[in-house]
Protein backbone atom coordinates (compact mmCIF):
# COMPACT_ATOMS: atom_id res chain seq x y z
CA MET A 1 -15.54 -80.64 -25.24
CA HIS A 2 -17.77 -81.80 -28.62
CA GLY A 3 -17.03 -82.74 -31.39
CA ARG A 4 -19.22 -83.32 -34.64
CA PRO A 5 -19.27 -86.01 -37.39
CA ASP A 6 -19.63 -83.81 -40.40
CA ALA A 7 -17.72 -80.75 -41.50
CA ALA A 8 -19.46 -77.28 -40.77
CA ALA A 9 -21.85 -75.97 -43.32
CA PRO A 10 -20.87 -73.79 -45.53
CA GLY A 11 -21.20 -70.17 -44.35
CA PRO A 12 -21.33 -66.75 -46.14
CA PRO A 13 -18.11 -65.70 -48.55
CA PRO A 14 -15.64 -63.71 -47.00
CA SER A 15 -16.07 -59.91 -48.54
CA ALA A 16 -14.32 -58.87 -51.86
CA GLY A 17 -11.02 -57.69 -50.33
CA ARG A 18 -10.55 -60.86 -48.32
CA LEU A 19 -11.17 -63.02 -51.00
CA ASP A 20 -8.72 -61.21 -53.33
CA GLU A 21 -6.22 -61.56 -50.63
CA LEU A 22 -6.65 -65.58 -49.92
CA LEU A 23 -6.56 -65.80 -53.61
CA TYR A 24 -3.34 -64.29 -54.06
CA LEU A 25 -1.94 -66.44 -51.36
CA VAL A 26 -3.10 -69.79 -53.00
CA GLY A 27 -2.04 -68.58 -55.93
CA ARG A 28 1.73 -68.37 -54.22
CA GLN A 29 1.46 -71.98 -54.48
CA ALA A 30 2.42 -71.89 -58.06
CA TRP A 31 6.02 -70.76 -57.06
CA ARG A 32 6.38 -71.03 -53.60
CA PRO A 33 4.37 -74.32 -52.43
CA GLU A 34 5.27 -73.60 -48.31
CA ALA A 35 4.98 -69.90 -48.50
CA GLY A 36 1.88 -70.48 -50.18
CA VAL A 37 0.36 -72.99 -47.25
CA GLN A 38 1.71 -70.51 -44.74
CA GLY A 39 0.34 -67.77 -46.10
CA VAL A 40 -3.35 -69.24 -45.83
CA VAL A 41 -2.60 -70.05 -42.37
CA ASP A 42 -1.59 -66.45 -41.74
CA TRP A 43 -4.25 -65.02 -43.42
CA LEU A 44 -6.62 -67.18 -41.09
CA HIS A 45 -5.02 -65.91 -38.05
CA ARG A 46 -5.93 -62.26 -39.27
CA GLN A 47 -9.30 -62.83 -40.11
CA LEU A 48 -10.39 -64.61 -36.76
CA GLY A 49 -7.69 -63.26 -34.27
CA THR A 50 -6.86 -66.41 -33.06
CA GLU A 51 -3.27 -68.42 -33.19
CA VAL A 52 -3.31 -71.33 -35.94
CA ALA A 53 -1.26 -74.66 -36.15
CA LEU A 54 -1.16 -77.22 -38.58
CA VAL A 55 -0.34 -80.94 -36.94
CA GLY A 56 0.66 -83.68 -38.72
CA ARG A 57 2.12 -87.18 -37.28
CA ALA A 58 3.18 -87.57 -33.87
CA LEU A 59 2.07 -83.87 -32.80
CA THR A 60 4.29 -82.35 -35.01
CA VAL A 61 3.79 -78.86 -35.94
CA GLU A 62 4.23 -78.58 -39.77
CA LEU A 63 3.14 -74.40 -39.88
CA SER A 64 2.04 -72.60 -37.13
CA THR A 65 1.30 -68.61 -36.37
CA PRO A 66 4.53 -67.33 -33.83
CA GLY A 67 2.17 -67.33 -30.95
CA PHE A 68 0.56 -70.61 -31.00
CA PRO A 69 0.89 -72.18 -27.80
CA GLN A 70 2.67 -75.24 -28.53
CA GLU A 71 2.28 -76.72 -24.95
CA ILE A 72 -1.11 -77.57 -24.98
CA LEU A 73 -0.73 -80.16 -27.61
CA PRO A 74 0.04 -83.18 -25.39
CA VAL A 75 -3.19 -82.45 -23.90
CA LEU A 76 -5.04 -82.42 -27.02
CA GLU A 77 -3.43 -85.84 -28.47
CA PRO A 78 -6.43 -88.07 -27.79
CA LEU A 79 -8.88 -85.70 -29.75
CA ILE A 80 -6.17 -84.79 -32.62
CA SER A 81 -5.59 -88.50 -32.88
CA ARG A 82 -9.25 -89.25 -33.40
CA LEU A 83 -9.49 -86.40 -35.98
CA ALA A 84 -6.20 -87.69 -37.92
CA THR A 85 -7.90 -91.16 -38.36
CA GLY A 86 -10.86 -89.85 -39.61
CA ARG A 87 -13.28 -90.88 -36.68
CA MET A 88 -14.37 -87.27 -36.13
CA ALA A 89 -14.41 -84.23 -38.56
CA ALA A 90 -13.98 -81.47 -36.07
CA ALA A 91 -14.64 -80.32 -32.21
CA ALA A 92 -14.20 -78.13 -30.06
CA THR A 93 -12.62 -77.88 -26.44
CA GLU A 94 -10.83 -76.11 -23.74
CA VAL A 95 -7.55 -76.07 -22.29
CA GLY A 96 -7.28 -73.86 -19.08
CA ALA A 97 -8.43 -70.39 -20.47
CA VAL A 98 -7.63 -71.33 -23.91
CA ARG A 99 -10.52 -72.20 -26.42
CA VAL A 100 -9.62 -74.26 -28.96
CA ARG A 101 -11.09 -75.42 -32.23
CA LEU A 102 -9.68 -78.31 -34.49
CA GLU A 103 -10.37 -79.33 -37.73
CA GLY A 104 -9.50 -82.46 -39.97
CA VAL A 105 -7.91 -81.50 -43.15
CA GLY A 106 -7.80 -83.68 -45.79
CA THR A 107 -8.28 -87.36 -46.88
CA ASP A 108 -4.64 -88.51 -46.01
CA ASP A 109 -4.20 -91.60 -43.55
CA PRO A 110 -3.67 -90.19 -41.08
CA ARG A 111 -4.75 -86.53 -41.61
CA ARG A 112 -3.32 -83.30 -40.90
CA VAL A 113 -5.66 -81.44 -37.82
CA LEU A 114 -5.71 -77.88 -37.95
CA VAL A 115 -6.09 -76.31 -34.94
CA LEU A 116 -6.84 -72.59 -33.79
CA ALA A 117 -6.28 -71.57 -30.05
CA GLY A 118 -7.45 -68.44 -28.82
CA PRO A 119 -9.25 -66.53 -25.68
CA ASP A 120 -12.77 -66.98 -27.34
CA ARG A 121 -14.84 -69.51 -28.50
CA LEU A 122 -15.51 -69.35 -32.35
CA THR A 123 -18.74 -67.98 -33.53
CA GLY A 124 -20.57 -70.04 -36.14
CA LYS A 125 -19.51 -68.03 -39.12
CA GLU A 126 -15.99 -68.24 -37.93
CA ALA A 127 -16.29 -71.99 -37.16
CA ALA A 128 -17.22 -71.98 -41.01
CA ALA A 129 -14.25 -70.01 -42.36
CA ALA A 130 -11.68 -72.37 -40.37
CA SER A 131 -13.36 -75.31 -41.80
CA HIS A 132 -13.13 -73.68 -45.32
CA THR A 133 -9.73 -72.81 -44.81
CA GLY A 134 -9.05 -76.45 -43.96
CA HIS A 135 -10.29 -77.42 -47.68
CA ILE A 136 -8.22 -75.08 -49.04
CA ILE A 137 -5.06 -76.52 -47.38
CA ALA A 138 -6.13 -79.62 -48.00
CA LEU A 139 -6.33 -78.87 -51.54
CA LEU A 140 -2.31 -76.82 -51.51
CA HIS A 141 -1.07 -80.11 -49.86
CA ARG A 142 -2.92 -82.27 -52.65
CA ALA A 143 -1.52 -80.05 -55.60
CA ARG A 144 1.66 -80.05 -54.08
CA ALA A 145 2.01 -83.78 -53.80
CA ALA A 146 1.03 -83.55 -57.47
CA ASP A 147 3.36 -81.36 -58.54
CA THR A 148 5.78 -83.39 -56.41
CA ALA A 149 4.62 -86.98 -58.40
CA PHE A 150 5.07 -85.09 -61.44
CA ARG A 151 8.69 -83.89 -61.21
CA GLY A 152 9.75 -87.45 -59.58
CA TYR A 153 7.80 -89.22 -62.89
CA GLN A 154 9.85 -86.35 -65.50
CA GLU A 155 13.20 -87.59 -63.59
CA LYS A 156 12.44 -91.16 -64.02
CA ALA A 157 11.11 -90.74 -67.57
CA HIS A 158 14.62 -88.88 -68.24
CA GLN A 159 16.62 -91.38 -65.96
CA LEU A 160 14.98 -94.20 -68.66
CA ARG A 161 15.51 -91.99 -71.54
CA VAL A 162 19.13 -91.98 -70.76
CA ALA A 163 19.45 -95.67 -70.03
CA LEU A 164 17.94 -96.04 -73.98
CA PHE A 165 20.35 -93.77 -75.18
CA MET A 166 23.13 -95.59 -73.56
CA ALA A 167 21.89 -98.69 -74.77
CA LEU A 168 21.77 -97.41 -78.39
CA MET A 169 25.40 -96.08 -77.67
CA ALA A 170 26.35 -99.09 -77.02
CA GLY A 171 24.74 -100.48 -80.51
CA ASP A 172 22.37 -102.83 -78.69
CA THR A 173 19.16 -101.99 -79.99
CA VAL A 174 17.58 -105.47 -78.94
CA LEU A 175 18.45 -104.30 -75.22
CA ALA A 176 16.74 -101.25 -76.02
CA ARG A 177 13.53 -102.65 -76.52
CA ARG A 178 13.71 -105.04 -73.71
CA MET A 179 14.13 -101.87 -71.32
CA THR A 180 11.04 -100.58 -72.69
CA THR A 181 8.72 -103.45 -72.34
CA GLY A 182 5.22 -102.46 -72.72
CA ALA A 183 5.70 -99.01 -74.05
CA VAL A 184 8.50 -99.19 -77.12
CA PRO A 185 9.08 -95.53 -78.20
CA GLU A 186 8.38 -95.20 -81.90
CA LEU A 187 11.94 -93.99 -82.57
CA LEU A 188 13.14 -97.66 -81.84
CA GLY A 189 10.96 -98.89 -84.66
CA ALA A 190 12.96 -96.76 -87.12
CA ASP A 191 15.60 -97.72 -89.40
CA ARG A 192 17.60 -94.88 -89.05
CA LEU A 193 18.45 -91.51 -87.15
CA ARG A 194 20.00 -88.14 -86.74
CA VAL A 195 21.62 -86.79 -83.67
CA HIS A 196 20.82 -83.31 -83.15
CA LEU A 197 23.03 -81.90 -80.56
CA LEU A 198 21.34 -78.69 -79.49
CA ARG A 199 23.62 -76.41 -77.31
CA CYS A 200 21.58 -74.06 -74.82
CA ALA A 201 21.55 -72.67 -71.36
CA PRO A 202 21.31 -75.99 -68.91
CA ALA A 203 17.75 -74.45 -67.23
CA ASP A 204 16.51 -74.45 -70.51
CA ARG A 205 16.73 -78.23 -71.49
CA ASP A 206 14.06 -79.43 -69.19
CA ARG A 207 11.46 -76.76 -70.58
CA ILE A 208 12.02 -77.73 -74.21
CA ALA A 209 12.11 -81.78 -73.84
CA GLN A 210 8.77 -81.22 -71.37
CA ALA A 211 7.13 -79.17 -73.83
CA HIS A 212 7.54 -81.87 -76.83
CA GLN A 213 6.74 -84.92 -74.56
CA ASP A 214 4.29 -87.24 -75.11
CA PRO A 215 2.22 -89.18 -72.88
CA SER A 216 4.64 -92.30 -72.93
CA GLY A 217 7.61 -89.87 -71.79
CA TYR A 218 9.40 -90.04 -75.12
CA HIS A 219 8.76 -87.40 -77.96
CA GLY A 220 6.90 -88.78 -80.86
CA ARG A 221 9.51 -90.43 -83.39
CA ALA A 222 12.31 -88.63 -81.59
CA MET A 223 13.87 -88.77 -77.87
CA MET A 224 15.61 -85.88 -76.44
CA VAL A 225 17.73 -86.50 -73.38
CA ARG A 226 19.68 -83.90 -70.99
CA CYS A 227 23.26 -84.86 -71.56
CA PRO A 228 24.49 -86.39 -68.51
CA VAL A 229 28.14 -85.00 -69.20
CA TYR A 230 27.69 -81.50 -70.31
CA ASP A 231 25.19 -79.65 -69.02
CA GLU A 232 24.63 -77.24 -71.88
CA HIS A 233 24.00 -80.17 -74.57
CA LEU A 234 20.26 -81.63 -75.18
CA ILE A 235 20.51 -84.53 -77.41
CA CYS A 236 17.93 -85.38 -79.67
CA LEU A 237 17.83 -88.46 -81.45
CA VAL A 238 15.32 -88.01 -84.42
CA ALA A 239 13.89 -90.51 -86.50
CA GLU A 240 15.25 -90.12 -90.12
CA ASP A 241 11.76 -90.78 -92.23
CA GLU A 242 11.64 -90.51 -96.04
CA GLU A 243 7.81 -89.75 -96.16
CA ALA A 244 7.64 -86.62 -94.00
CA PRO A 245 10.22 -84.50 -92.63
CA PRO A 246 10.78 -84.88 -88.88
CA GLU A 247 8.78 -81.93 -86.89
CA LEU A 248 11.12 -82.00 -84.19
CA ALA A 249 13.94 -81.10 -86.38
CA GLY A 250 12.14 -77.91 -87.67
CA VAL A 251 11.49 -76.68 -83.89
CA LEU A 252 15.26 -77.10 -82.83
CA ARG A 253 16.21 -74.89 -85.77
CA GLU A 254 13.51 -72.37 -84.93
CA LEU A 255 14.90 -71.96 -81.37
CA VAL A 256 18.37 -71.79 -82.66
CA ALA A 257 16.82 -69.20 -84.85
CA ASP A 258 15.13 -67.32 -81.60
CA SER A 259 18.20 -67.46 -79.68
CA GLU A 260 21.97 -66.05 -80.20
CA GLU A 261 23.34 -68.38 -77.32
CA TYR A 262 21.64 -71.51 -78.90
CA ALA A 263 23.43 -73.76 -81.73
CA LEU A 264 22.60 -76.76 -83.46
CA GLY A 265 24.86 -79.79 -84.58
CA VAL A 266 23.24 -81.89 -86.66
CA SER A 267 24.75 -85.65 -88.01
CA ALA A 268 24.25 -87.70 -91.05
CA PRO A 269 21.50 -90.36 -90.99
CA HIS A 270 22.68 -93.89 -89.58
CA PRO A 271 21.33 -97.31 -88.62
CA LEU A 272 20.30 -97.00 -84.91
CA ARG A 273 23.26 -99.31 -83.97
CA ALA A 274 25.24 -96.77 -85.31
CA THR A 275 23.88 -94.38 -82.43
CA ALA A 276 27.84 -93.47 -81.10
CA GLU A 277 28.85 -92.73 -84.58
CA ALA A 278 26.14 -90.33 -85.21
CA TYR A 279 26.18 -89.12 -81.56
CA GLU A 280 30.32 -87.98 -82.35
CA GLU A 281 29.34 -86.44 -85.84
CA ALA A 282 26.72 -84.39 -84.23
CA ARG A 283 29.22 -83.47 -81.77
CA HIS A 284 31.55 -82.43 -84.35
CA ALA A 285 28.97 -80.51 -86.37
CA LEU A 286 28.12 -78.46 -83.26
CA ALA A 287 32.03 -77.19 -82.99
CA VAL A 288 31.23 -75.57 -86.61
CA ALA A 289 27.71 -74.25 -85.65
CA GLY A 290 29.69 -72.20 -83.06
CA ASN A 291 31.88 -70.51 -85.42
CA SER A 292 29.18 -70.16 -88.37
CA ALA A 293 26.93 -67.16 -88.86
CA GLY A 294 23.38 -69.45 -88.46
CA ARG A 295 24.94 -71.61 -85.79
CA VAL A 296 23.60 -74.58 -87.57
CA ALA A 297 25.88 -77.05 -89.10
CA CYS A 298 25.23 -80.46 -90.47
CA TYR A 299 28.02 -82.86 -90.48
CA ARG A 300 29.75 -83.15 -94.01
CA GLY A 301 32.83 -85.54 -92.92
CA ARG A 302 34.45 -88.05 -94.94
CA GLU A 303 35.02 -91.72 -94.08
CA PRO A 304 36.53 -92.69 -90.84
CA LEU A 305 40.09 -93.99 -91.16
CA GLU A 306 39.46 -97.28 -89.59
CA ARG A 307 36.68 -98.00 -92.45
CA LEU A 308 39.98 -97.42 -94.98
CA LEU A 309 42.35 -99.61 -93.44
CA PRO A 310 43.28 -103.32 -94.76
CA ARG A 311 40.89 -105.34 -92.48
CA ALA A 312 43.47 -108.09 -91.51
CA GLU A 313 46.28 -106.00 -90.73
CA ALA A 314 44.05 -103.62 -88.83
CA LEU A 315 42.34 -106.32 -87.03
CA ALA A 316 45.74 -108.00 -86.17
CA TRP A 317 47.45 -104.71 -84.60
CA ALA A 318 43.94 -103.82 -83.02
CA ASP A 319 44.14 -107.44 -81.58
CA ALA A 320 47.79 -107.20 -80.64
CA LEU A 321 46.97 -103.71 -78.80
CA LEU A 322 44.20 -104.73 -76.99
CA ARG A 323 44.62 -107.95 -75.88
CA PRO A 324 46.10 -106.95 -71.98
CA LEU A 325 42.80 -104.56 -71.86
CA ARG A 326 40.43 -108.27 -72.35
CA SER A 327 41.84 -109.67 -69.07
CA LEU A 328 40.75 -107.13 -67.33
CA PRO A 329 37.63 -106.65 -65.68
CA GLU A 330 34.54 -105.32 -67.81
CA LEU A 331 34.28 -102.02 -65.88
CA THR A 332 37.82 -101.23 -66.42
CA ALA A 333 37.42 -101.66 -69.99
CA GLU A 334 34.51 -99.57 -70.32
CA THR A 335 35.82 -96.93 -68.12
CA THR A 336 39.23 -96.45 -70.25
CA ARG A 337 36.89 -96.81 -73.60
CA LEU A 338 34.95 -93.54 -72.42
CA ALA A 339 37.58 -91.79 -71.17
CA LEU A 340 39.09 -91.39 -74.50
CA SER A 341 36.01 -89.17 -75.39
CA PHE A 342 35.21 -87.75 -71.48
CA PRO A 343 36.86 -86.32 -69.09
CA ARG A 344 37.29 -88.07 -65.88
CA SER A 345 34.26 -86.29 -64.45
CA GLY A 346 32.28 -87.19 -67.33
CA VAL A 347 32.77 -90.60 -67.21
CA ALA A 348 32.39 -90.92 -63.26
CA ALA A 349 28.78 -89.75 -64.01
CA LEU A 350 27.84 -91.73 -66.79
CA LEU A 351 29.12 -94.95 -64.98
CA GLY A 352 27.63 -93.61 -61.68
CA ILE A 353 31.02 -94.13 -59.88
CA SER A 354 33.85 -91.69 -58.27
CA ARG A 355 36.15 -89.63 -60.03
CA ASN A 356 39.14 -91.66 -58.07
CA THR A 357 37.64 -95.00 -58.88
CA VAL A 358 37.85 -93.48 -62.84
CA THR A 359 41.41 -92.72 -61.80
CA ALA A 360 41.89 -96.39 -60.38
CA HIS A 361 40.31 -98.31 -63.33
CA LEU A 362 42.91 -96.15 -65.95
CA ALA A 363 45.75 -96.72 -63.95
CA ARG A 364 44.87 -100.54 -64.12
CA SER A 365 44.52 -100.12 -68.12
CA GLU A 366 47.78 -98.13 -68.25
CA ALA A 367 49.95 -100.70 -66.50
CA ALA A 368 48.16 -103.97 -68.33
CA LEU A 369 48.78 -102.06 -71.69
CA GLY A 370 51.72 -100.46 -71.43
CA LEU A 371 50.67 -97.11 -72.37
CA ASP A 372 50.48 -93.20 -70.79
CA LEU A 373 46.99 -92.47 -71.31
CA ARG A 374 48.05 -88.72 -70.68
CA ASP A 375 49.54 -88.64 -73.87
CA VAL A 376 47.36 -87.60 -76.70
CA ARG A 377 49.20 -89.77 -79.08
CA ALA A 378 48.43 -92.83 -76.87
CA ARG A 379 45.22 -92.07 -76.39
CA ALA A 380 44.26 -91.94 -80.37
CA ALA A 381 46.26 -95.05 -80.88
CA LEU A 382 43.98 -96.92 -78.38
CA ALA A 383 40.59 -95.11 -79.92
CA LEU A 384 41.77 -96.29 -83.17
CA ALA A 385 42.15 -100.27 -82.04
CA LEU A 386 38.78 -99.99 -80.35
CA ALA A 387 37.22 -98.39 -83.54
CA VAL A 388 38.39 -101.17 -85.76
CA THR A 389 37.59 -103.86 -83.39
CA ALA A 390 33.88 -102.30 -82.82
CA LEU A 391 33.80 -102.40 -86.84
CA HIS A 392 34.71 -105.98 -87.11
CA GLN A 393 32.84 -107.50 -84.49
CA ASP A 394 33.11 -110.59 -86.33
CA GLY A 395 36.83 -111.14 -85.12
CA ARG A 396 40.19 -111.86 -86.94
CA ALA A 397 39.99 -112.30 -90.69
CA ALA A 398 41.26 -115.69 -91.49
CA GLY A 399 44.62 -115.74 -91.96
CA ALA A 400 45.65 -112.49 -90.53
CA PRO A 401 49.44 -111.88 -89.73
CA GLU A 402 50.57 -112.01 -86.36
CA ARG A 403 51.81 -108.62 -85.28
CA GLY A 404 53.73 -107.56 -82.06
CA GLY A 405 52.64 -105.11 -79.81
CA GLY A 406 53.08 -101.14 -80.85
CA THR A 407 50.77 -97.94 -81.55
CA GLU A 408 51.63 -97.51 -84.97
CA PRO A 409 48.35 -98.73 -87.31
CA PRO A 410 48.80 -100.35 -90.77
CA SER A 411 49.44 -97.68 -93.21
CA GLY A 412 47.56 -99.35 -96.08
CA ASP A 413 49.54 -99.09 -98.82
CA GLY A 414 49.08 -95.60 -98.86
CA THR A 415 45.27 -95.46 -98.06
CA ALA A 416 46.20 -93.39 -94.67
CA ALA A 417 48.22 -91.22 -96.27
CA ALA A 418 45.57 -89.99 -98.78
CA TRP A 419 43.21 -89.85 -96.25
CA ALA A 420 45.54 -87.81 -94.12
CA ALA A 421 46.10 -85.48 -97.20
CA GLU A 422 42.46 -85.37 -97.81
CA PHE A 423 42.21 -84.49 -93.84
CA LEU A 424 44.35 -81.92 -94.13
CA GLY A 425 43.80 -80.28 -97.11
CA PRO A 426 41.57 -77.42 -96.01
CA LEU A 427 44.68 -76.12 -93.84
CA ARG A 428 47.05 -76.38 -97.09
CA GLU A 429 46.68 -72.78 -98.34
CA VAL A 430 49.62 -70.52 -97.48
CA ARG A 431 47.20 -68.20 -95.66
CA HIS A 432 46.35 -71.26 -93.20
CA ARG A 433 49.87 -72.45 -92.84
CA PRO A 434 50.23 -70.84 -89.48
CA VAL A 435 47.64 -73.01 -88.09
CA LEU A 436 48.48 -76.21 -89.07
CA ASP A 437 52.01 -75.28 -87.54
CA THR A 438 49.76 -74.43 -84.55
CA LEU A 439 48.18 -77.79 -84.69
CA ARG A 440 51.22 -79.69 -85.18
CA VAL A 441 52.96 -78.08 -82.08
CA TRP A 442 49.94 -78.41 -80.21
CA ILE A 443 49.91 -82.26 -80.54
CA GLU A 444 53.78 -82.36 -80.06
CA SER A 445 53.13 -80.67 -76.84
CA ASN A 446 50.15 -82.86 -75.90
CA ALA A 447 47.43 -81.17 -76.66
CA ASP A 448 48.57 -78.38 -74.05
CA ALA A 449 47.85 -74.87 -75.14
CA ARG A 450 50.25 -73.05 -72.75
CA ARG A 451 53.33 -75.43 -73.70
CA THR A 452 51.99 -74.63 -77.11
CA ALA A 453 52.31 -71.03 -76.91
CA LEU A 454 55.79 -71.19 -75.20
CA ARG A 455 57.40 -73.04 -78.07
CA LEU A 456 55.70 -70.82 -80.74
CA GLY A 457 56.49 -67.55 -78.87
CA GLY A 458 53.11 -66.38 -78.75
CA SER A 459 50.14 -66.21 -76.56
CA ARG A 460 47.51 -68.82 -75.44
CA THR A 461 44.89 -66.64 -76.74
CA THR A 462 46.64 -66.66 -80.27
CA VAL A 463 46.43 -70.64 -79.77
CA ALA A 464 42.89 -70.31 -79.15
CA ALA A 465 42.14 -68.56 -81.92
CA ARG A 466 43.69 -70.49 -84.59
CA LEU A 467 42.27 -73.73 -83.17
CA ARG A 468 38.91 -72.22 -83.51
CA THR A 469 39.60 -71.72 -87.10
CA ALA A 470 40.82 -75.40 -87.48
CA GLU A 471 37.69 -76.61 -85.87
CA ARG A 472 36.03 -74.66 -88.72
CA LEU A 473 38.15 -75.51 -91.50
CA LEU A 474 38.59 -79.50 -90.66
CA GLU A 475 34.52 -79.40 -89.40
CA ARG A 476 35.83 -80.95 -86.51
CA ASP A 477 35.46 -80.97 -82.44
CA LEU A 478 38.97 -80.10 -81.47
CA LEU A 479 37.88 -78.64 -77.57
CA SER A 480 35.82 -80.62 -76.03
CA THR A 481 35.76 -84.35 -77.34
CA GLY A 482 38.36 -86.71 -77.76
CA SER A 483 37.59 -88.19 -81.45
CA GLY A 484 38.56 -85.04 -83.41
CA VAL A 485 41.92 -84.68 -81.82
CA HIS A 486 42.34 -88.49 -82.32
CA GLU A 487 41.85 -88.31 -86.05
CA LEU A 488 44.41 -85.03 -86.04
CA VAL A 489 47.10 -87.18 -84.62
CA HIS A 490 46.75 -89.73 -87.34
CA ALA A 491 46.47 -87.10 -89.89
CA LEU A 492 49.46 -85.47 -88.77
CA HIS A 493 51.25 -88.56 -88.09
CA PHE A 494 50.25 -90.56 -91.66
CA SER A 495 51.39 -87.14 -93.73
CA GLY A 496 54.72 -86.80 -91.89
CA GLU A 497 53.89 -83.41 -89.92
CA SER A 498 54.38 -84.99 -87.01
CA PRO A 499 56.59 -88.31 -85.38
CA GLY A 500 55.64 -91.33 -85.17
CA LEU A 501 53.16 -92.73 -82.02
CA THR A 502 55.06 -93.96 -79.09
CA THR A 503 53.85 -96.55 -76.42
CA ARG A 504 55.30 -94.57 -73.51
CA GLY A 505 53.85 -90.88 -73.68
CA PRO A 506 55.79 -88.27 -72.06
CA ALA A 507 54.67 -88.58 -67.96
CA SER A 508 54.57 -84.44 -67.92
CA GLU A 509 51.42 -82.91 -67.66
CA GLY A 510 48.61 -83.22 -70.03
CA PRO A 511 45.75 -81.37 -71.41
CA ASP A 512 43.12 -79.98 -68.74
CA ASP A 513 40.94 -82.77 -69.60
CA ALA A 514 42.76 -85.48 -70.55
CA PRO A 515 41.88 -89.00 -68.60
């Protein structure tokens, strides 16, 4: 047995044909990492006519040719240990009739060891080829490790962006800045932003986000986030700059123009603390964009109902409705709030809990509130009460009248009726009356298309078509988000198109995405 402290001296290069094959095998690392390294090992076997193995920790064979005699490894353990710890670079020995060549691979601690075993001792040129191949394998492993680290960095950057987005959705801009200690994104220095919601293939989201990502993990004065609930949504928060139009906004529009499968919804500008409101507007705009020729829509909504209701009366009503919820654990209250806008699976993803846990929290809220959260009208009342308290965060108005429980909000001396008339105005035309009738029955059927079709004596296809028409005319998302349906409930109620809200909704089945 003999060894050497340094790698073998470079030998002559392989022939052109062999080099082409080797380069091809190395290139496979780009799309099949394991196949790339295995291919190089197999290539060395074909060139030298010897069996090859790559040995890692504890004599583990990571890769080998089919005929490699693994039974010789225990005998080689002392020598492999010296090579793995860097005390030797290469060695040659014999185990019975098997001639063995060993090469330390890479600079890891411990190093991998390339073991070649055959009936004949390798020539100098063959030993040099083995050494060169060991260097190539080391480079391939280093490239794979770098790629793994890069993917890990991208995922951590994504997780931080999601956390920042959730902090902004909660209106806590101070928390968002604290979460980015040492590298505050430019977006958080903006006074206002717009939310651009891009619908695209799920596999395209990372490609788009990474294409515009800067070294800090953000996107200049913007931030792109894979939606944690809807796989086809890419959420883009873009600073609203008066001096220069945001570049990313133009890029998103170009993407939609280039692909018929894409659509884009854009909110109105909002302060950073109102990111949640901007996000809801973008969801409504996206529903409109899906039914428009250019597949791009900007939100053109009206003043939300909670801003129009008389402050003192609305706060008193909301306080009475929500008071039981305040005695519950914070996670229960947050689960309930999110369940008004997202399906249970989405709430589970946002909070990092199981769907069964979400169900348990909602059951606790139902018992405390005296509401059946399967009833779309009860959910609408709860959502409005939460919106009122969020709007007036300074608490109840002085001298506000006390109110009992109940889900019907104050009408505001005709203010709510006027809002409802404006909301439903696009459906008042005679040609759209069937759409309005369908919406009324749909809400009375607890937003269930099958029950609506039975009551109307039509088909679910017709109901779905009229709902899509309603989305376009009302500029509201009615099929994938809660807020549009909640506004519809209130509009129908205050316009006299449907019965009043009830404390206890029907115990029968609800819509597919009900909490």
